[in-house]
Amino acid sequence: MSDYVQAERHIAVSVGESVRIVRELQEMSQNDLAAATGIPQSTISAIENDRIQLGVERAKVLARALHCHPAVLVFPGWDVDQNSAA
């Protein structure tokens, strides 16, 4: 394992960008995500463009539809190794 170098973050990702990235990885359009969540497409667009805050309840709904944990969307820059209490 000594041949491996720990990865470092090179760019910061906003909450909106994390939603877009996960949505695109799931090969969903904004309209697909809107249909799966009941959240209007215009609201999803506003979230992805950081015009409105995601919020905890919306994060739960989106995470369920995107098959990920809500923390993936809410805390995109969290580094477990550097921020753990260990």
Protein backbone atom coordinates (compact mmCIF):
# COMPACT_ATOMS: atom_id res chain seq x y z
CA MET A 1 0.00 0.00 0.00
CA SER A 2 2.95 2.37 0.30
CA ASP A 3 2.77 2.93 -3.49
CA TYR A 4 -0.54 4.77 -3.14
CA VAL A 5 -0.87 8.50 -2.58
CA GLN A 6 -3.93 9.87 -0.82
CA ALA A 7 -6.15 11.85 -3.17
CA GLU A 8 -6.52 15.58 -2.65
CA ARG A 9 -9.41 17.78 -3.64
CA HIS A 10 -8.49 19.99 -6.59
CA ILE A 11 -11.75 21.86 -7.04
CA ALA A 12 -14.61 22.78 -4.76
CA VAL A 13 -18.05 21.46 -5.70
CA SER A 14 -21.17 23.36 -4.67
CA VAL A 15 -24.33 21.68 -3.43
CA GLY A 16 -26.04 22.45 -6.73
CA GLU A 17 -23.16 21.00 -8.72
CA SER A 18 -23.26 17.82 -6.63
CA VAL A 19 -26.97 17.40 -7.42
CA ARG A 20 -26.28 17.87 -11.13
CA ILE A 21 -23.31 15.49 -11.13
CA VAL A 22 -25.18 12.71 -9.34
CA ARG A 23 -28.24 13.23 -11.56
CA GLU A 24 -26.12 12.99 -14.70
CA LEU A 25 -24.34 9.89 -13.38
CA GLN A 26 -27.79 8.31 -13.01
CA GLU A 27 -28.46 9.32 -16.65
CA MET A 28 -31.49 11.35 -15.63
CA SER A 29 -32.65 14.62 -17.12
CA GLN A 30 -34.04 17.36 -14.90
CA ASN A 31 -37.48 16.39 -16.19
CA ASP A 32 -36.87 12.74 -15.23
CA LEU A 33 -35.82 13.80 -11.73
CA ALA A 34 -38.83 16.11 -11.45
CA ALA A 35 -41.15 13.24 -12.37
CA ALA A 36 -39.46 10.90 -9.87
CA THR A 37 -39.59 13.39 -6.99
CA GLY A 38 -42.57 15.65 -7.55
CA ILE A 39 -40.21 18.63 -7.34
CA PRO A 40 -40.81 21.00 -10.28
CA GLN A 41 -38.11 21.00 -12.97
CA SER A 42 -37.69 24.74 -12.51
CA THR A 43 -36.87 24.18 -8.82
CA ILE A 44 -34.35 21.46 -9.68
CA SER A 45 -32.73 23.87 -12.15
CA ALA A 46 -32.60 26.58 -9.48
CA ILE A 47 -31.00 24.14 -7.00
CA GLU A 48 -28.41 23.01 -9.54
CA ASN A 49 -27.54 26.62 -10.33
CA ASP A 50 -27.32 27.52 -6.62
CA ARG A 51 -30.13 30.07 -6.91
CA ILE A 52 -32.05 28.45 -4.05
CA GLN A 53 -30.89 26.32 -1.14
CA LEU A 54 -31.40 22.58 -1.28
CA GLY A 55 -32.75 22.13 2.25
CA VAL A 56 -32.89 18.94 4.29
CA GLU A 57 -36.30 17.71 3.15
CA ARG A 58 -35.57 18.26 -0.55
CA ALA A 59 -32.17 16.58 -0.07
CA LYS A 60 -33.93 13.48 1.30
CA VAL A 61 -36.39 13.37 -1.59
CA LEU A 62 -33.69 13.90 -4.23
CA ALA A 63 -31.32 11.40 -2.61
CA ARG A 64 -34.02 8.73 -2.61
CA ALA A 65 -34.62 9.26 -6.34
CA LEU A 66 -30.87 9.42 -7.08
CA HIS A 67 -30.07 6.33 -4.99
CA CYS A 68 -27.53 8.06 -2.76
CA HIS A 69 -27.24 9.26 0.81
CA PRO A 70 -28.50 12.83 1.38
CA ALA A 71 -25.08 13.80 2.77
CA VAL A 72 -23.59 13.22 -0.69
CA LEU A 73 -25.72 16.11 -1.92
CA VAL A 74 -25.59 18.37 1.13
CA PHE A 75 -21.86 18.04 1.98
CA PRO A 76 -20.11 17.57 -1.40
CA GLY A 77 -16.70 18.75 -0.16
CA TRP A 78 -16.56 16.64 3.01
CA ASP A 79 -13.31 14.71 3.35
CA VAL A 80 -13.79 11.80 5.74
CA ASP A 81 -10.07 11.29 6.39
CA GLN A 82 -9.40 14.88 7.41
CA ASN A 83 -12.62 15.50 9.33
CA SER A 84 -13.11 12.29 11.27
CA ALA A 85 -12.89 12.19 15.04
CA ALA A 86 -10.53 9.22 14.98
